[in-house]
Amino acid sequence: MSGNNLEFNKISGAVLLAGIIALVSGLMAQALYTGSLEKGEHEGKRGYTIAGAENAGGGEAAPAEEEKPVDIAPLLAKADKAAGEAVSKKCTSCHTFDKGGKNGVGPNQWGLVGASFAHKDDYTYSDAVKALHGKKTWTPQELSDFLTNPKKHIPGNKMSFAGVKKPEDRANLIAYLSTLK
C-alpha cells in the first residue's frame, strides 16, 4: 500500500508544481506586458521603443514626401550591365530573362525595353497594364519610374514587388535589360 501512496504523492506533487509554475509564469508575463501585477490598471505602452523612431511632435505621422521621378538617362550613360544582371537576381522568383523563356508569375523579360506594354501574347496581364497596350512603351525612363514603385506607378497591376529604390541599381538593371534583344 505504501508504494501506491508514494506514487500518488509524486503525481500530486508534479501536478501542484506544474500549477505553481503556470501561475508564476502568467504573473510574470502580465508584469512584463502591462508593467504592473495589478489587474485593471491602465496598460503601459506596448512594445519596445527604438530611439529616434518616434515622431517629435507626438501626433500623427507626417505624410511621406512625394517621390519625384529621377531622370535615368545620365545614370544609364555610366550604368554597369554586369551589375544590372546581379540586380536582376531579385526578379528571378517571378520573371525569366532568357530568349524564348517561359513566363513565371510575371512575364519573361526578353525584349522588354522598347516593347509596348502587355506585349507578350502568352501572358495574362492585369487590366491596368492591358489598358496601356499600344499607348505606352517600356522606355528606359518608363521602366525606371515603374521599378521605383510598381503599385504606385500603375495602380491595379499584379506585381507585388516593392520596387528598386536606388536609381543606380535601376539604371544598371535597365542597361542589362537593354541587352536582351
N, C-alpha and C. Protein backbone atom coordinates (compact mmCIF):
# COMPACT_ATOMS: atom_id res chain seq x y z
N MET A 1 0.80 -1.19 0.00
CA MET A 1 0.00 0.00 0.00
C MET A 1 0.85 1.26 0.00
N SER A 2 1.93 1.25 0.76
CA SER A 2 2.73 2.46 0.86
C SER A 2 3.36 2.82 -0.49
N GLY A 3 3.58 1.84 -1.37
CA GLY A 3 4.11 2.10 -2.71
C GLY A 3 3.13 2.93 -3.54
N ASN A 4 1.82 2.61 -3.41
CA ASN A 4 0.79 3.35 -4.14
C ASN A 4 0.69 4.78 -3.62
N ASN A 5 0.80 4.93 -2.28
CA ASN A 5 0.73 6.27 -1.70
C ASN A 5 1.91 7.12 -2.17
N LEU A 6 3.06 6.48 -2.28
CA LEU A 6 4.24 7.21 -2.74
C LEU A 6 4.06 7.67 -4.18
N GLU A 7 3.51 6.81 -5.06
CA GLU A 7 3.25 7.18 -6.44
C GLU A 7 2.21 8.30 -6.51
N PHE A 8 1.15 8.19 -5.68
CA PHE A 8 0.13 9.22 -5.65
C PHE A 8 0.73 10.55 -5.21
N ASN A 9 1.60 10.53 -4.23
CA ASN A 9 2.25 11.75 -3.75
C ASN A 9 3.15 12.36 -4.84
N LYS A 10 3.86 11.53 -5.57
CA LYS A 10 4.71 12.02 -6.65
C LYS A 10 3.87 12.71 -7.73
N ILE A 11 2.78 12.05 -8.13
CA ILE A 11 1.91 12.61 -9.17
C ILE A 11 1.27 13.90 -8.68
N SER A 12 0.77 13.91 -7.46
CA SER A 12 0.15 15.11 -6.89
C SER A 12 1.16 16.25 -6.81
N GLY A 13 2.37 15.92 -6.39
CA GLY A 13 3.42 16.93 -6.29
C GLY A 13 3.77 17.51 -7.67
N ALA A 14 3.83 16.67 -8.69
CA ALA A 14 4.16 17.12 -10.04
C ALA A 14 3.05 18.03 -10.57
N VAL A 15 1.80 17.65 -10.34
CA VAL A 15 0.67 18.48 -10.80
C VAL A 15 0.68 19.81 -10.06
N LEU A 16 0.91 19.79 -8.75
CA LEU A 16 0.96 21.02 -7.97
C LEU A 16 2.11 21.92 -8.44
N LEU A 17 3.27 21.35 -8.69
CA LEU A 17 4.42 22.12 -9.18
C LEU A 17 4.12 22.74 -10.55
N ALA A 18 3.48 21.96 -11.44
CA ALA A 18 3.12 22.48 -12.76
C ALA A 18 2.15 23.66 -12.63
N GLY A 19 1.21 23.55 -11.72
CA GLY A 19 0.26 24.64 -11.48
C GLY A 19 0.94 25.88 -10.95
N ILE A 20 1.88 25.71 -10.03
CA ILE A 20 2.61 26.85 -9.48
C ILE A 20 3.45 27.52 -10.56
N ILE A 21 4.11 26.72 -11.40
CA ILE A 21 4.93 27.26 -12.49
C ILE A 21 4.04 28.04 -13.47
N ALA A 22 2.87 27.50 -13.78
CA ALA A 22 1.95 28.19 -14.69
C ALA A 22 1.48 29.51 -14.09
N LEU A 23 1.16 29.51 -12.80
CA LEU A 23 0.70 30.72 -12.13
C LEU A 23 1.78 31.80 -12.11
N VAL A 24 2.98 31.41 -11.75
CA VAL A 24 4.10 32.36 -11.70
C VAL A 24 4.43 32.86 -13.11
N SER A 25 4.41 31.98 -14.10
CA SER A 25 4.68 32.40 -15.47
C SER A 25 3.64 33.39 -15.96
N GLY A 26 2.37 33.15 -15.64
CA GLY A 26 1.31 34.07 -16.02
C GLY A 26 1.48 35.43 -15.38
N LEU A 27 1.82 35.44 -14.08
CA LEU A 27 2.05 36.71 -13.39
C LEU A 27 3.24 37.46 -13.97
N MET A 28 4.31 36.74 -14.29
CA MET A 28 5.49 37.37 -14.87
C MET A 28 5.17 37.94 -16.26
N ALA A 29 4.44 37.19 -17.04
CA ALA A 29 4.07 37.68 -18.38
C ALA A 29 3.20 38.92 -18.27
N GLN A 30 2.26 38.91 -17.34
CA GLN A 30 1.40 40.08 -17.15
C GLN A 30 2.22 41.28 -16.70
N ALA A 31 3.17 41.06 -15.82
CA ALA A 31 4.01 42.15 -15.34
C ALA A 31 4.87 42.71 -16.47
N LEU A 32 5.41 41.85 -17.31
CA LEU A 32 6.23 42.31 -18.42
C LEU A 32 5.39 43.01 -19.48
N TYR A 33 4.20 42.51 -19.71
CA TYR A 33 3.35 43.06 -20.77
C TYR A 33 2.72 44.39 -20.36
N THR A 34 2.21 44.47 -19.16
CA THR A 34 1.49 45.68 -18.75
C THR A 34 2.33 46.59 -17.87
N GLY A 35 3.37 46.09 -17.31
CA GLY A 35 4.18 46.89 -16.39
C GLY A 35 3.61 46.88 -14.98
N SER A 36 2.61 46.05 -14.72
CA SER A 36 2.00 46.02 -13.40
C SER A 36 1.47 44.63 -13.11
N LEU A 37 1.47 44.26 -11.86
CA LEU A 37 0.89 42.99 -11.46
C LEU A 37 -0.58 43.14 -11.10
N GLU A 38 -1.06 44.37 -10.94
CA GLU A 38 -2.45 44.59 -10.57
C GLU A 38 -3.33 44.58 -11.81
N LYS A 39 -4.37 43.76 -11.77
CA LYS A 39 -5.31 43.71 -12.89
C LYS A 39 -6.14 44.97 -12.90
N GLY A 40 -6.53 45.40 -14.09
CA GLY A 40 -7.39 46.56 -14.22
C GLY A 40 -6.63 47.86 -14.29
N GLU A 41 -5.36 47.85 -13.95
CA GLU A 41 -4.58 49.08 -14.04
C GLU A 41 -4.35 49.39 -15.51
N HIS A 42 -4.30 50.67 -15.85
CA HIS A 42 -4.12 51.10 -17.24
C HIS A 42 -2.86 50.48 -17.83
N GLU A 43 -3.02 49.93 -19.01
CA GLU A 43 -1.90 49.30 -19.69
C GLU A 43 -0.84 50.31 -20.10
N GLY A 44 0.41 49.96 -19.94
CA GLY A 44 1.50 50.82 -20.38
C GLY A 44 1.66 50.73 -21.89
N LYS A 45 2.60 51.47 -22.41
CA LYS A 45 2.88 51.46 -23.84
C LYS A 45 3.42 50.09 -24.23
N ARG A 46 2.87 49.52 -25.30
CA ARG A 46 3.30 48.19 -25.73
C ARG A 46 4.54 48.28 -26.60
N GLY A 47 5.31 47.22 -26.58
CA GLY A 47 6.44 47.12 -27.48
C GLY A 47 7.69 47.82 -26.97
N TYR A 48 8.68 47.77 -27.81
CA TYR A 48 9.97 48.35 -27.49
C TYR A 48 10.15 49.60 -28.33
N THR A 49 10.53 50.69 -27.70
CA THR A 49 10.70 51.94 -28.41
C THR A 49 12.13 52.05 -28.93
N ILE A 50 12.26 52.31 -30.21
CA ILE A 50 13.56 52.49 -30.82
C ILE A 50 13.88 53.97 -30.79
N ALA A 51 15.05 54.30 -30.26
CA ALA A 51 15.44 55.70 -30.14
C ALA A 51 15.45 56.37 -31.51
N GLY A 52 14.82 57.54 -31.59
CA GLY A 52 14.80 58.30 -32.83
C GLY A 52 13.70 57.90 -33.79
N ALA A 53 12.94 56.84 -33.47
CA ALA A 53 11.92 56.37 -34.38
C ALA A 53 10.56 57.02 -34.13
N GLU A 54 10.37 57.61 -32.98
CA GLU A 54 9.09 58.24 -32.67
C GLU A 54 9.01 59.61 -33.29
N ASN A 55 7.78 60.06 -33.49
CA ASN A 55 7.55 61.41 -34.01
C ASN A 55 7.97 62.42 -32.96
N ALA A 56 8.61 63.47 -33.38
CA ALA A 56 9.00 64.52 -32.45
C ALA A 56 7.77 65.23 -31.91
N GLY A 57 6.74 65.40 -32.73
CA GLY A 57 5.54 66.10 -32.32
C GLY A 57 4.61 65.24 -31.51
N GLY A 58 4.78 63.93 -31.57
CA GLY A 58 3.95 63.02 -30.79
C GLY A 58 2.56 62.82 -31.39
N GLY A 59 2.24 63.44 -32.51
CA GLY A 59 0.93 63.31 -33.12
C GLY A 59 0.97 62.34 -34.27
N GLU A 60 0.16 62.62 -35.25
CA GLU A 60 0.12 61.78 -36.44
C GLU A 60 1.45 61.85 -37.18
N ALA A 61 1.76 60.78 -37.87
CA ALA A 61 2.99 60.76 -38.66
C ALA A 61 2.86 61.74 -39.82
N ALA A 62 3.94 62.38 -40.15
CA ALA A 62 3.94 63.31 -41.27
C ALA A 62 3.79 62.52 -42.55
N PRO A 63 3.05 63.02 -43.53
CA PRO A 63 2.92 62.28 -44.78
C PRO A 63 4.28 62.13 -45.45
N ALA A 64 4.47 60.96 -46.05
CA ALA A 64 5.75 60.71 -46.72
C ALA A 64 5.94 61.72 -47.85
N GLU A 65 7.17 62.15 -48.00
CA GLU A 65 7.47 63.10 -49.06
C GLU A 65 7.24 62.43 -50.41
N GLU A 66 6.61 63.14 -51.30
CA GLU A 66 6.31 62.61 -52.63
C GLU A 66 7.62 62.32 -53.37
N GLU A 67 7.73 61.10 -53.87
CA GLU A 67 8.92 60.74 -54.63
C GLU A 67 8.84 61.36 -56.01
N LYS A 68 9.89 62.06 -56.38
CA LYS A 68 9.94 62.67 -57.69
C LYS A 68 10.68 61.74 -58.63
N PRO A 69 10.20 61.59 -59.86
CA PRO A 69 10.90 60.72 -60.80
C PRO A 69 12.34 61.19 -61.02
N VAL A 70 13.23 60.24 -61.08
CA VAL A 70 14.64 60.52 -61.32
C VAL A 70 14.90 60.40 -62.81
N ASP A 71 15.58 61.39 -63.39
CA ASP A 71 15.97 61.30 -64.80
C ASP A 71 17.02 60.20 -64.90
N ILE A 72 16.66 59.11 -65.52
CA ILE A 72 17.53 57.93 -65.56
C ILE A 72 18.61 58.03 -66.63
N ALA A 73 18.45 58.90 -67.63
CA ALA A 73 19.38 58.98 -68.76
C ALA A 73 20.83 59.21 -68.32
N PRO A 74 21.13 60.18 -67.44
CA PRO A 74 22.53 60.36 -67.04
C PRO A 74 23.11 59.14 -66.32
N LEU A 75 22.27 58.45 -65.56
CA LEU A 75 22.74 57.26 -64.86
C LEU A 75 22.95 56.09 -65.81
N LEU A 76 22.13 56.03 -66.86
CA LEU A 76 22.28 54.97 -67.86
C LEU A 76 23.59 55.10 -68.61
N ALA A 77 24.05 56.35 -68.80
CA ALA A 77 25.29 56.59 -69.55
C ALA A 77 26.48 55.92 -68.87
N LYS A 78 26.43 55.79 -67.56
CA LYS A 78 27.55 55.15 -66.84
C LYS A 78 27.12 53.85 -66.14
N ALA A 79 26.01 53.26 -66.59
CA ALA A 79 25.48 52.04 -65.97
C ALA A 79 26.37 50.84 -66.26
N ASP A 80 26.35 49.90 -65.34
CA ASP A 80 27.13 48.67 -65.43
C ASP A 80 26.18 47.50 -65.69
N LYS A 81 26.26 46.93 -66.90
CA LYS A 81 25.35 45.85 -67.29
C LYS A 81 25.54 44.61 -66.42
N ALA A 82 26.77 44.33 -66.03
CA ALA A 82 27.03 43.16 -65.18
C ALA A 82 26.39 43.36 -63.81
N ALA A 83 26.49 44.59 -63.29
CA ALA A 83 25.83 44.88 -62.00
C ALA A 83 24.32 44.79 -62.16
N GLY A 84 23.81 45.17 -63.33
CA GLY A 84 22.38 45.06 -63.61
C GLY A 84 21.91 43.62 -63.65
N GLU A 85 22.76 42.75 -64.19
CA GLU A 85 22.42 41.33 -64.19
C GLU A 85 22.34 40.81 -62.76
N ALA A 86 23.24 41.30 -61.89
CA ALA A 86 23.20 40.91 -60.48
C ALA A 86 21.91 41.42 -59.83
N VAL A 87 21.50 42.64 -60.15
CA VAL A 87 20.26 43.20 -59.60
C VAL A 87 19.06 42.37 -60.07
N SER A 88 19.13 41.84 -61.28
CA SER A 88 18.01 41.07 -61.84
C SER A 88 17.75 39.79 -61.05
N LYS A 89 18.69 39.37 -60.24
CA LYS A 89 18.51 38.16 -59.42
C LYS A 89 17.33 38.35 -58.46
N LYS A 90 17.05 39.61 -58.07
CA LYS A 90 15.90 39.89 -57.21
C LYS A 90 14.60 39.55 -57.93
N CYS A 91 14.64 39.55 -59.25
CA CYS A 91 13.43 39.41 -60.06
C CYS A 91 13.17 37.96 -60.48
N THR A 92 14.16 37.08 -60.31
CA THR A 92 14.06 35.73 -60.86
C THR A 92 13.02 34.84 -60.16
N SER A 93 12.51 35.27 -59.02
CA SER A 93 11.47 34.46 -58.39
C SER A 93 10.16 34.57 -59.19
N CYS A 94 10.02 35.63 -59.99
CA CYS A 94 8.79 35.81 -60.77
C CYS A 94 9.03 35.88 -62.28
N HIS A 95 10.21 36.30 -62.71
CA HIS A 95 10.48 36.52 -64.13
C HIS A 95 11.64 35.65 -64.62
N THR A 96 11.61 35.33 -65.92
CA THR A 96 12.75 34.70 -66.57
C THR A 96 13.33 35.72 -67.54
N PHE A 97 14.59 35.53 -67.94
CA PHE A 97 15.28 36.52 -68.76
C PHE A 97 15.88 35.93 -70.03
N ASP A 98 15.69 34.65 -70.27
CA ASP A 98 16.30 34.04 -71.44
C ASP A 98 15.37 34.11 -72.66
N LYS A 99 15.98 34.11 -73.85
CA LYS A 99 15.21 34.21 -75.09
C LYS A 99 14.29 33.00 -75.20
N GLY A 100 13.02 33.28 -75.41
CA GLY A 100 12.03 32.21 -75.53
C GLY A 100 11.69 31.56 -74.21
N GLY A 101 12.15 32.14 -73.12
CA GLY A 101 11.90 31.56 -71.80
C GLY A 101 10.42 31.59 -71.43
N LYS A 102 10.07 30.67 -70.55
CA LYS A 102 8.69 30.59 -70.09
C LYS A 102 8.37 31.76 -69.18
N ASN A 103 7.11 32.11 -69.12
CA ASN A 103 6.65 33.09 -68.16
C ASN A 103 6.59 32.44 -66.79
N GLY A 104 6.80 33.23 -65.78
CA GLY A 104 6.64 32.76 -64.42
C GLY A 104 5.39 33.41 -63.86
N VAL A 105 5.47 33.84 -62.62
CA VAL A 105 4.39 34.63 -62.05
C VAL A 105 4.24 35.90 -62.87
N GLY A 106 5.38 36.41 -63.33
CA GLY A 106 5.40 37.57 -64.22
C GLY A 106 5.89 37.14 -65.59
N PRO A 107 5.77 38.01 -66.58
CA PRO A 107 6.17 37.64 -67.94
C PRO A 107 7.69 37.55 -68.11
N ASN A 108 8.11 36.78 -69.10
CA ASN A 108 9.52 36.71 -69.48
C ASN A 108 9.96 38.11 -69.91
N GLN A 109 11.18 38.50 -69.57
CA GLN A 109 11.63 39.87 -69.78
C GLN A 109 12.48 40.06 -71.03
N TRP A 110 12.66 39.02 -71.83
CA TRP A 110 13.44 39.14 -73.07
C TRP A 110 12.75 40.12 -74.01
N GLY A 111 13.47 41.10 -74.52
CA GLY A 111 12.93 42.07 -75.46
C GLY A 111 12.00 43.10 -74.85
N LEU A 112 12.08 43.29 -73.55
CA LEU A 112 11.17 44.22 -72.86
C LEU A 112 11.42 45.67 -73.23
N VAL A 113 12.68 46.10 -73.20
CA VAL A 113 13.00 47.51 -73.43
C VAL A 113 12.61 47.89 -74.86
N GLY A 114 11.76 48.90 -74.99
CA GLY A 114 11.28 49.36 -76.28
C GLY A 114 9.97 48.71 -76.72
N ALA A 115 9.54 47.67 -76.01
CA ALA A 115 8.30 46.98 -76.37
C ALA A 115 7.09 47.73 -75.80
N SER A 116 5.95 47.48 -76.38
CA SER A 116 4.70 48.06 -75.88
C SER A 116 4.31 47.38 -74.57
N PHE A 117 3.58 48.07 -73.76
CA PHE A 117 3.03 47.45 -72.55
C PHE A 117 2.18 46.26 -72.98
N ALA A 118 2.17 45.21 -72.16
CA ALA A 118 1.38 44.00 -72.41
C ALA A 118 1.68 43.41 -73.78
N HIS A 119 2.97 43.36 -74.15
CA HIS A 119 3.37 42.92 -75.49
C HIS A 119 3.43 41.41 -75.67
N LYS A 120 3.45 40.65 -74.59
CA LYS A 120 3.56 39.19 -74.73
C LYS A 120 2.16 38.58 -74.84
N ASP A 121 1.92 37.89 -75.94
CA ASP A 121 0.61 37.28 -76.17
C ASP A 121 0.36 36.08 -75.25
N ASP A 122 1.43 35.47 -74.75
CA ASP A 122 1.27 34.26 -73.95
C ASP A 122 1.26 34.54 -72.44
N TYR A 123 0.99 35.76 -72.06
CA TYR A 123 0.93 36.11 -70.64
C TYR A 123 -0.37 36.86 -70.36
N THR A 124 -0.99 36.58 -69.24
CA THR A 124 -2.23 37.26 -68.85
C THR A 124 -1.88 38.44 -67.96
N TYR A 125 -1.90 39.62 -68.53
CA TYR A 125 -1.58 40.84 -67.80
C TYR A 125 -2.80 41.32 -67.01
N SER A 126 -2.57 42.17 -66.04
CA SER A 126 -3.66 42.80 -65.30
C SER A 126 -4.39 43.76 -66.24
N ASP A 127 -5.62 44.08 -65.91
CA ASP A 127 -6.39 45.02 -66.73
C ASP A 127 -5.70 46.38 -66.79
N ALA A 128 -5.04 46.77 -65.70
CA ALA A 128 -4.35 48.07 -65.66
C ALA A 128 -3.24 48.14 -66.69
N VAL A 129 -2.49 47.06 -66.86
CA VAL A 129 -1.40 47.03 -67.84
C VAL A 129 -1.96 46.84 -69.25
N LYS A 130 -2.97 45.98 -69.39
CA LYS A 130 -3.59 45.77 -70.71
C LYS A 130 -4.14 47.07 -71.28
N ALA A 131 -4.67 47.92 -70.41
CA ALA A 131 -5.26 49.19 -70.87
C ALA A 131 -4.21 50.10 -71.49
N LEU A 132 -2.93 49.87 -71.20
CA LEU A 132 -1.85 50.71 -71.74
C LEU A 132 -1.21 50.13 -72.99
N HIS A 133 -1.66 48.95 -73.41
CA HIS A 133 -1.11 48.29 -74.60
C HIS A 133 -1.32 49.20 -75.83
N GLY A 134 -0.25 49.43 -76.54
CA GLY A 134 -0.30 50.27 -77.74
C GLY A 134 -0.27 51.77 -77.44
N LYS A 135 -0.42 52.13 -76.19
CA LYS A 135 -0.40 53.55 -75.81
C LYS A 135 0.93 53.96 -75.20
N LYS A 136 1.61 53.00 -74.57
CA LYS A 136 2.89 53.29 -73.91
C LYS A 136 3.88 52.19 -74.24
N THR A 137 5.16 52.55 -74.23
CA THR A 137 6.21 51.56 -74.42
C THR A 137 7.13 51.58 -73.21
N TRP A 138 7.85 50.49 -73.05
CA TRP A 138 8.80 50.36 -71.95
C TRP A 138 10.11 51.06 -72.32
N THR A 139 10.11 52.36 -72.24
CA THR A 139 11.33 53.14 -72.44
C THR A 139 12.16 53.02 -71.17
N PRO A 140 13.45 53.35 -71.23
CA PRO A 140 14.25 53.31 -70.00
C PRO A 140 13.65 54.18 -68.89
N GLN A 141 13.14 55.37 -69.23
CA GLN A 141 12.56 56.23 -68.20
C GLN A 141 11.28 55.61 -67.63
N GLU A 142 10.45 55.04 -68.49
CA GLU A 142 9.21 54.39 -68.04
C GLU A 142 9.54 53.22 -67.11
N LEU A 143 10.54 52.43 -67.50
CA LEU A 143 10.96 51.31 -66.64
C LEU A 143 11.47 51.81 -65.29
N SER A 144 12.26 52.87 -65.30
CA SER A 144 12.78 53.41 -64.05
C SER A 144 11.64 53.87 -63.14
N ASP A 145 10.69 54.60 -63.72
CA ASP A 145 9.56 55.08 -62.93
C ASP A 145 8.74 53.92 -62.37
N PHE A 146 8.52 52.90 -63.21
CA PHE A 146 7.76 51.72 -62.79
C PHE A 146 8.50 50.95 -61.69
N LEU A 147 9.79 50.72 -61.91
CA LEU A 147 10.56 49.91 -60.97
C LEU A 147 10.77 50.60 -59.62
N THR A 148 10.60 51.91 -59.58
CA THR A 148 10.71 52.62 -58.30
C THR A 148 9.61 52.16 -57.35
N ASN A 149 8.39 52.06 -57.86
CA ASN A 149 7.25 51.63 -57.05
C ASN A 149 6.16 51.15 -58.01
N PRO A 150 6.17 49.86 -58.37
CA PRO A 150 5.23 49.35 -59.38
C PRO A 150 3.76 49.60 -59.06
N LYS A 151 3.36 49.40 -57.82
CA LYS A 151 1.95 49.57 -57.46
C LYS A 151 1.50 51.02 -57.57
N LYS A 152 2.40 51.94 -57.27
CA LYS A 152 2.05 53.35 -57.33
C LYS A 152 2.07 53.85 -58.77
N HIS A 153 3.02 53.38 -59.57
CA HIS A 153 3.16 53.86 -60.94
C HIS A 153 2.00 53.40 -61.82
N ILE A 154 1.59 52.15 -61.66
CA ILE A 154 0.45 51.63 -62.41
C ILE A 154 -0.50 50.97 -61.40
N PRO A 155 -1.36 51.77 -60.79
CA PRO A 155 -2.30 51.20 -59.82
C PRO A 155 -3.15 50.10 -60.45
N GLY A 156 -3.29 49.00 -59.72
CA GLY A 156 -4.09 47.89 -60.21
C GLY A 156 -3.29 46.81 -60.92
N ASN A 157 -1.96 47.01 -61.06
CA ASN A 157 -1.18 45.94 -61.70
C ASN A 157 -0.97 44.81 -60.70
N LYS A 158 -0.60 43.64 -61.21
CA LYS A 158 -0.47 42.44 -60.37
C LYS A 158 0.88 42.32 -59.68
N MET A 159 1.84 43.16 -60.02
CA MET A 159 3.19 43.00 -59.49
C MET A 159 3.23 43.40 -58.02
N SER A 160 3.63 42.46 -57.17
CA SER A 160 3.66 42.72 -55.73
C SER A 160 5.04 43.14 -55.24
N PHE A 161 5.96 43.36 -56.13
CA PHE A 161 7.33 43.75 -55.78
C PHE A 161 7.34 45.17 -55.23
N ALA A 162 8.11 45.40 -54.17
CA ALA A 162 8.15 46.72 -53.52
C ALA A 162 8.89 47.76 -54.35
N GLY A 163 9.78 47.34 -55.21
CA GLY A 163 10.49 48.28 -56.06
C GLY A 163 11.99 48.27 -55.84
N VAL A 164 12.71 48.87 -56.78
CA VAL A 164 14.16 49.04 -56.68
C VAL A 164 14.38 50.51 -56.34
N LYS A 165 14.75 50.77 -55.11
CA LYS A 165 14.78 52.15 -54.61
C LYS A 165 15.98 52.96 -55.11
N LYS A 166 17.14 52.34 -55.25
CA LYS A 166 18.34 53.09 -55.65
C LYS A 166 18.35 53.34 -57.16
N PRO A 167 18.41 54.61 -57.58
CA PRO A 167 18.43 54.93 -59.01
C PRO A 167 19.57 54.25 -59.76
N GLU A 168 20.72 54.12 -59.12
CA GLU A 168 21.87 53.48 -59.76
C GLU A 168 21.57 52.01 -60.05
N ASP A 169 20.90 51.33 -59.11
CA ASP A 169 20.53 49.93 -59.33
C ASP A 169 19.53 49.81 -60.47
N ARG A 170 18.57 50.74 -60.52
CA ARG A 170 17.61 50.72 -61.63
C ARG A 170 18.31 50.94 -62.96
N ALA A 171 19.23 51.89 -63.00
CA ALA A 171 19.97 52.16 -64.24
C ALA A 171 20.76 50.92 -64.68
N ASN A 172 21.42 50.28 -63.74
CA ASN A 172 22.17 49.06 -64.06
C ASN A 172 21.24 47.96 -64.58
N LEU A 173 20.09 47.80 -63.92
CA LEU A 173 19.12 46.79 -64.34
C LEU A 173 18.59 47.09 -65.74
N ILE A 174 18.26 48.33 -66.00
CA ILE A 174 17.74 48.72 -67.32
C ILE A 174 18.81 48.53 -68.40
N ALA A 175 20.06 48.83 -68.06
CA ALA A 175 21.16 48.61 -69.01
C ALA A 175 21.26 47.11 -69.33
N TYR A 176 21.12 46.28 -68.33
CA TYR A 176 21.15 44.84 -68.57
C TYR A 176 19.94 44.39 -69.41
N LEU A 177 18.75 44.88 -69.06
CA LEU A 177 17.56 44.51 -69.83
C LEU A 177 17.66 44.95 -71.28
N SER A 178 18.37 46.05 -71.52
CA SER A 178 18.54 46.56 -72.90
C SER A 178 19.38 45.62 -73.76
N THR A 179 20.16 44.75 -73.13
CA THR A 179 20.97 43.80 -73.88
C THR A 179 20.17 42.57 -74.31
N LEU A 180 18.99 42.39 -73.75
CA LEU A 180 18.19 41.20 -74.02
C LEU A 180 17.31 41.41 -75.25
N LYS A 181 17.96 41.33 -76.42
CA LYS A 181 17.24 41.56 -77.69
C LYS A 181 17.45 40.40 -78.62
